Amino acid sequence: MRSRRQGGLVYSTDAGRMCPACRQPIAACVCNQQAAPAGDGIVRVSSETKGRAGKGVTLVKGLALDPAALTQTARQLKAACGCGGTVKDGVIEIQGDHVERVIERLKQAGWTVRRAGG
């Protein structure tokens, strides 16, 4: 008998990331409809340069939002900072060192925010 391989398509240039369970694009995955991560209710904002050729980014972790709301929040933060950014694996990345401005905006939105790191 043939053993079933555990691997499979992980990324497709047509559809992006693929769900390992149902082999559908992550956006169309129906097998693993997860709720937003619970977390501890504290949003942590930090600055990091690791793995980015010395370019600094501001990271926002701990926002317990669904992917659509997280993308919308990232869009608002990018507009407030006047820069670019992205959402990767539930973490908002804002280009540049905008920690204080991001903390201020998130506090205005009603989040409990702490600065993480040095």
N, C-alpha and C. Protein backbone atom coordinates (compact mmCIF):
# COMPACT_ATOMS: atom_id res chain seq x y z
N MET A 1 0.83 -1.18 0.00
CA MET A 1 0.00 0.00 0.00
C MET A 1 0.87 1.24 0.00
N ARG A 2 0.34 2.26 -0.58
CA ARG A 2 1.03 3.53 -0.61
C ARG A 2 0.73 4.32 0.64
N SER A 3 1.76 4.93 1.18
CA SER A 3 1.52 5.80 2.33
C SER A 3 1.18 7.20 1.82
N ARG A 4 0.31 7.84 2.53
CA ARG A 4 -0.13 9.17 2.12
C ARG A 4 0.90 10.21 2.58
N ARG A 5 1.27 11.07 1.65
CA ARG A 5 2.25 12.11 1.98
C ARG A 5 1.61 13.17 2.86
N GLN A 6 2.37 13.68 3.82
CA GLN A 6 1.89 14.73 4.68
C GLN A 6 2.01 16.09 4.01
N GLY A 7 2.91 16.21 3.08
CA GLY A 7 3.17 17.49 2.43
C GLY A 7 2.09 17.85 1.44
N GLY A 8 2.37 18.81 0.64
CA GLY A 8 1.44 19.25 -0.37
C GLY A 8 1.78 20.66 -0.79
N LEU A 9 0.93 21.23 -1.58
CA LEU A 9 1.13 22.57 -2.07
C LEU A 9 1.02 23.56 -0.92
N VAL A 10 2.04 24.36 -0.73
CA VAL A 10 2.06 25.34 0.35
C VAL A 10 1.81 26.73 -0.19
N TYR A 11 2.32 27.02 -1.37
CA TYR A 11 2.18 28.35 -1.96
C TYR A 11 1.98 28.22 -3.45
N SER A 12 1.09 29.01 -3.97
CA SER A 12 0.85 29.04 -5.40
C SER A 12 0.97 30.49 -5.88
N THR A 13 1.61 30.70 -7.00
CA THR A 13 1.73 32.06 -7.51
C THR A 13 0.38 32.60 -7.95
N ASP A 14 -0.57 31.73 -8.23
CA ASP A 14 -1.90 32.18 -8.62
C ASP A 14 -2.75 32.58 -7.42
N ALA A 15 -2.69 31.78 -6.35
CA ALA A 15 -3.60 31.98 -5.23
C ALA A 15 -2.91 32.40 -3.94
N GLY A 16 -1.60 32.39 -3.86
CA GLY A 16 -0.90 32.76 -2.62
C GLY A 16 -0.80 31.57 -1.68
N ARG A 17 -0.90 31.82 -0.39
CA ARG A 17 -0.77 30.74 0.60
C ARG A 17 -1.93 29.77 0.53
N MET A 18 -1.63 28.50 0.75
CA MET A 18 -2.63 27.45 0.66
C MET A 18 -2.84 26.82 2.03
N CYS A 19 -4.07 26.43 2.32
CA CYS A 19 -4.39 25.73 3.57
C CYS A 19 -3.86 24.31 3.48
N PRO A 20 -3.09 23.84 4.48
CA PRO A 20 -2.55 22.49 4.40
C PRO A 20 -3.61 21.40 4.57
N ALA A 21 -4.73 21.71 5.19
CA ALA A 21 -5.75 20.70 5.42
C ALA A 21 -6.65 20.48 4.20
N CYS A 22 -7.22 21.56 3.67
CA CYS A 22 -8.17 21.40 2.56
C CYS A 22 -7.56 21.75 1.20
N ARG A 23 -6.31 22.21 1.18
CA ARG A 23 -5.58 22.52 -0.06
C ARG A 23 -6.24 23.62 -0.89
N GLN A 24 -6.99 24.51 -0.22
CA GLN A 24 -7.60 25.66 -0.87
C GLN A 24 -6.80 26.90 -0.50
N PRO A 25 -6.93 27.99 -1.27
CA PRO A 25 -6.28 29.24 -0.87
C PRO A 25 -6.78 29.66 0.52
N ILE A 26 -5.90 30.27 1.31
CA ILE A 26 -6.25 30.66 2.67
C ILE A 26 -7.51 31.52 2.68
N ALA A 27 -7.67 32.40 1.71
CA ALA A 27 -8.84 33.27 1.66
C ALA A 27 -10.13 32.47 1.46
N ALA A 28 -10.06 31.31 0.81
CA ALA A 28 -11.24 30.51 0.53
C ALA A 28 -11.34 29.27 1.42
N CYS A 29 -10.49 29.16 2.42
CA CYS A 29 -10.47 27.98 3.29
C CYS A 29 -11.74 27.92 4.13
N VAL A 30 -12.40 26.76 4.11
CA VAL A 30 -13.61 26.57 4.89
C VAL A 30 -13.43 25.53 6.00
N CYS A 31 -12.33 24.84 6.00
CA CYS A 31 -12.14 23.77 6.97
C CYS A 31 -11.72 24.30 8.34
N ASN A 32 -11.11 25.45 8.38
CA ASN A 32 -10.53 25.91 9.63
C ASN A 32 -10.94 27.35 9.91
N GLN A 33 -12.25 27.60 9.98
CA GLN A 33 -12.72 28.95 10.27
C GLN A 33 -12.42 29.26 11.73
N GLN A 34 -11.31 29.93 11.94
CA GLN A 34 -10.88 30.23 13.28
C GLN A 34 -11.42 31.57 13.72
N ALA A 35 -11.69 31.66 15.01
CA ALA A 35 -12.07 32.95 15.58
C ALA A 35 -10.80 33.77 15.75
N ALA A 36 -10.96 35.04 16.00
CA ALA A 36 -9.80 35.90 16.21
C ALA A 36 -9.06 35.42 17.46
N PRO A 37 -7.75 35.51 17.45
CA PRO A 37 -6.99 35.06 18.61
C PRO A 37 -7.37 35.86 19.85
N ALA A 38 -7.53 35.17 20.96
CA ALA A 38 -8.01 35.81 22.18
C ALA A 38 -6.98 36.77 22.75
N GLY A 39 -5.76 36.31 22.96
CA GLY A 39 -4.72 37.16 23.51
C GLY A 39 -5.03 37.56 24.94
N ASP A 40 -4.29 38.53 25.45
CA ASP A 40 -4.50 38.98 26.82
C ASP A 40 -5.13 40.36 26.87
N GLY A 41 -5.55 40.89 25.73
CA GLY A 41 -6.22 42.18 25.69
C GLY A 41 -5.27 43.36 25.61
N ILE A 42 -3.98 43.12 25.57
CA ILE A 42 -3.01 44.19 25.50
C ILE A 42 -2.36 44.18 24.12
N VAL A 43 -2.35 45.34 23.48
CA VAL A 43 -1.71 45.48 22.18
C VAL A 43 -0.27 45.91 22.43
N ARG A 44 0.67 45.21 21.82
CA ARG A 44 2.09 45.52 22.02
C ARG A 44 2.66 46.11 20.73
N VAL A 45 3.32 47.26 20.87
CA VAL A 45 3.90 47.96 19.73
C VAL A 45 5.41 48.00 19.94
N SER A 46 6.15 47.58 18.91
CA SER A 46 7.61 47.56 19.03
C SER A 46 8.23 47.99 17.70
N SER A 47 9.52 48.24 17.75
CA SER A 47 10.28 48.60 16.56
C SER A 47 11.32 47.52 16.32
N GLU A 48 11.54 47.17 15.06
CA GLU A 48 12.45 46.06 14.75
C GLU A 48 13.15 46.32 13.42
N THR A 49 14.40 45.84 13.32
CA THR A 49 15.14 45.93 12.06
C THR A 49 15.62 44.56 11.60
N LYS A 50 15.45 43.55 12.43
CA LYS A 50 15.98 42.22 12.15
C LYS A 50 15.46 41.64 10.83
N GLY A 51 16.38 41.22 9.96
CA GLY A 51 16.00 40.56 8.71
C GLY A 51 15.49 41.49 7.64
N ARG A 52 15.73 42.80 7.81
CA ARG A 52 15.20 43.76 6.85
C ARG A 52 16.28 44.68 6.30
N ALA A 53 17.50 44.21 6.27
CA ALA A 53 18.65 44.95 5.73
C ALA A 53 18.81 46.31 6.39
N GLY A 54 18.56 46.38 7.70
CA GLY A 54 18.75 47.61 8.44
C GLY A 54 17.58 48.57 8.39
N LYS A 55 16.56 48.25 7.64
CA LYS A 55 15.38 49.12 7.56
C LYS A 55 14.49 48.86 8.77
N GLY A 56 14.05 49.90 9.42
CA GLY A 56 13.22 49.76 10.61
C GLY A 56 11.75 49.64 10.27
N VAL A 57 11.04 48.83 11.04
CA VAL A 57 9.59 48.72 10.91
C VAL A 57 8.99 48.77 12.31
N THR A 58 7.74 49.21 12.39
CA THR A 58 6.99 49.22 13.63
C THR A 58 6.04 48.03 13.58
N LEU A 59 6.09 47.19 14.62
CA LEU A 59 5.25 46.00 14.68
C LEU A 59 4.13 46.20 15.68
N VAL A 60 2.91 45.82 15.31
CA VAL A 60 1.75 45.90 16.19
C VAL A 60 1.23 44.48 16.37
N LYS A 61 1.35 43.95 17.60
CA LYS A 61 0.94 42.57 17.89
C LYS A 61 -0.15 42.58 18.95
N GLY A 62 -1.01 41.58 18.90
CA GLY A 62 -2.00 41.39 19.95
C GLY A 62 -3.36 42.00 19.66
N LEU A 63 -3.59 42.48 18.45
CA LEU A 63 -4.92 42.98 18.11
C LEU A 63 -5.83 41.80 17.86
N ALA A 64 -6.84 41.63 18.68
CA ALA A 64 -7.76 40.50 18.56
C ALA A 64 -8.87 40.87 17.58
N LEU A 65 -8.54 40.88 16.30
CA LEU A 65 -9.48 41.24 15.24
C LEU A 65 -9.48 40.17 14.16
N ASP A 66 -10.58 40.09 13.41
CA ASP A 66 -10.61 39.19 12.27
C ASP A 66 -9.74 39.79 11.17
N PRO A 67 -9.35 39.00 10.17
CA PRO A 67 -8.43 39.49 9.14
C PRO A 67 -8.90 40.75 8.41
N ALA A 68 -10.19 40.87 8.14
CA ALA A 68 -10.68 42.06 7.43
C ALA A 68 -10.54 43.31 8.30
N ALA A 69 -10.89 43.21 9.58
CA ALA A 69 -10.77 44.35 10.48
C ALA A 69 -9.31 44.69 10.75
N LEU A 70 -8.46 43.67 10.78
CA LEU A 70 -7.03 43.90 10.97
C LEU A 70 -6.44 44.66 9.78
N THR A 71 -6.86 44.30 8.58
CA THR A 71 -6.42 45.00 7.38
C THR A 71 -6.90 46.45 7.39
N GLN A 72 -8.13 46.67 7.81
CA GLN A 72 -8.68 48.02 7.88
C GLN A 72 -7.92 48.86 8.92
N THR A 73 -7.59 48.27 10.06
CA THR A 73 -6.81 48.97 11.09
C THR A 73 -5.43 49.31 10.56
N ALA A 74 -4.81 48.38 9.84
CA ALA A 74 -3.50 48.63 9.26
C ALA A 74 -3.58 49.79 8.26
N ARG A 75 -4.63 49.83 7.49
CA ARG A 75 -4.81 50.91 6.51
C ARG A 75 -4.90 52.26 7.23
N GLN A 76 -5.63 52.32 8.34
CA GLN A 76 -5.77 53.57 9.09
C GLN A 76 -4.43 53.98 9.71
N LEU A 77 -3.68 53.02 10.24
CA LEU A 77 -2.38 53.34 10.84
C LEU A 77 -1.39 53.82 9.78
N LYS A 78 -1.41 53.19 8.60
CA LYS A 78 -0.52 53.62 7.52
C LYS A 78 -0.85 55.04 7.08
N ALA A 79 -2.13 55.37 7.02
CA ALA A 79 -2.54 56.73 6.64
C ALA A 79 -2.12 57.74 7.70
N ALA A 80 -2.22 57.36 8.97
CA ALA A 80 -1.85 58.26 10.05
C ALA A 80 -0.34 58.53 10.06
N CYS A 81 0.44 57.51 9.69
CA CYS A 81 1.90 57.65 9.69
C CYS A 81 2.43 58.16 8.36
N GLY A 82 1.63 58.11 7.32
CA GLY A 82 2.07 58.56 6.00
C GLY A 82 3.11 57.65 5.40
N CYS A 83 2.93 56.35 5.57
CA CYS A 83 3.91 55.40 5.06
C CYS A 83 3.21 54.11 4.64
N GLY A 84 4.00 53.16 4.19
CA GLY A 84 3.46 51.88 3.75
C GLY A 84 3.50 50.87 4.87
N GLY A 85 3.03 49.68 4.58
CA GLY A 85 3.03 48.61 5.55
C GLY A 85 2.25 47.42 5.04
N THR A 86 2.10 46.42 5.92
CA THR A 86 1.40 45.20 5.54
C THR A 86 0.89 44.49 6.79
N VAL A 87 0.11 43.44 6.56
CA VAL A 87 -0.33 42.56 7.63
C VAL A 87 0.20 41.17 7.31
N LYS A 88 1.00 40.60 8.22
CA LYS A 88 1.55 39.26 8.03
C LYS A 88 1.30 38.44 9.29
N ASP A 89 0.59 37.34 9.14
CA ASP A 89 0.35 36.40 10.23
C ASP A 89 -0.21 37.09 11.47
N GLY A 90 -1.16 37.99 11.29
CA GLY A 90 -1.81 38.65 12.40
C GLY A 90 -1.02 39.78 13.03
N VAL A 91 0.10 40.16 12.42
CA VAL A 91 0.94 41.25 12.92
C VAL A 91 0.95 42.36 11.88
N ILE A 92 0.68 43.58 12.33
CA ILE A 92 0.73 44.73 11.43
C ILE A 92 2.16 45.25 11.40
N GLU A 93 2.70 45.42 10.20
CA GLU A 93 4.04 45.98 10.02
C GLU A 93 3.89 47.33 9.33
N ILE A 94 4.38 48.38 9.99
CA ILE A 94 4.36 49.73 9.45
C ILE A 94 5.80 50.11 9.12
N GLN A 95 6.05 50.57 7.91
CA GLN A 95 7.42 50.91 7.50
C GLN A 95 7.90 52.15 8.25
N GLY A 96 9.10 52.05 8.81
CA GLY A 96 9.68 53.17 9.54
C GLY A 96 9.46 53.05 11.03
N ASP A 97 10.08 53.94 11.79
CA ASP A 97 9.97 53.94 13.24
C ASP A 97 8.89 54.94 13.66
N HIS A 98 7.66 54.44 13.80
CA HIS A 98 6.51 55.28 14.13
C HIS A 98 5.83 54.78 15.41
N VAL A 99 6.62 54.29 16.36
CA VAL A 99 6.06 53.66 17.55
C VAL A 99 5.16 54.63 18.32
N GLU A 100 5.64 55.83 18.60
CA GLU A 100 4.86 56.78 19.40
C GLU A 100 3.56 57.17 18.71
N ARG A 101 3.60 57.40 17.42
CA ARG A 101 2.41 57.80 16.67
C ARG A 101 1.39 56.65 16.64
N VAL A 102 1.87 55.42 16.48
CA VAL A 102 0.98 54.25 16.44
C VAL A 102 0.34 54.05 17.81
N ILE A 103 1.13 54.17 18.88
CA ILE A 103 0.59 54.02 20.24
C ILE A 103 -0.50 55.05 20.48
N GLU A 104 -0.26 56.28 20.09
CA GLU A 104 -1.23 57.36 20.27
C GLU A 104 -2.54 57.05 19.54
N ARG A 105 -2.44 56.62 18.29
CA ARG A 105 -3.64 56.32 17.49
C ARG A 105 -4.42 55.14 18.07
N LEU A 106 -3.72 54.10 18.54
CA LEU A 106 -4.42 52.95 19.09
C LEU A 106 -5.08 53.29 20.42
N LYS A 107 -4.47 54.15 21.22
CA LYS A 107 -5.10 54.58 22.48
C LYS A 107 -6.35 55.40 22.19
N GLN A 108 -6.31 56.23 21.15
CA GLN A 108 -7.49 57.00 20.76
C GLN A 108 -8.63 56.08 20.33
N ALA A 109 -8.27 54.93 19.76
CA ALA A 109 -9.27 53.96 19.31
C ALA A 109 -9.79 53.10 20.46
N GLY A 110 -9.23 53.27 21.67
CA GLY A 110 -9.74 52.55 22.83
C GLY A 110 -9.00 51.28 23.20
N TRP A 111 -7.86 51.02 22.62
CA TRP A 111 -7.09 49.82 22.94
C TRP A 111 -6.18 50.06 24.14
N THR A 112 -5.86 49.00 24.87
CA THR A 112 -4.85 49.05 25.92
C THR A 112 -3.53 48.75 25.23
N VAL A 113 -2.63 49.73 25.23
CA VAL A 113 -1.41 49.63 24.43
C VAL A 113 -0.18 49.73 25.33
N ARG A 114 0.80 48.90 25.05
CA ARG A 114 2.09 48.95 25.74
C ARG A 114 3.19 48.92 24.70
N ARG A 115 4.26 49.62 25.02
CA ARG A 115 5.44 49.57 24.17
C ARG A 115 6.24 48.34 24.54
N ALA A 116 6.60 47.54 23.57
CA ALA A 116 7.37 46.32 23.80
C ALA A 116 8.79 46.55 23.33
N GLY A 117 9.72 45.86 23.93
CA GLY A 117 11.13 46.00 23.53
C GLY A 117 11.74 47.23 24.16
N GLY A 118 12.93 47.60 23.66
CA GLY A 118 13.69 48.69 24.26
C GLY A 118 13.27 50.01 23.91
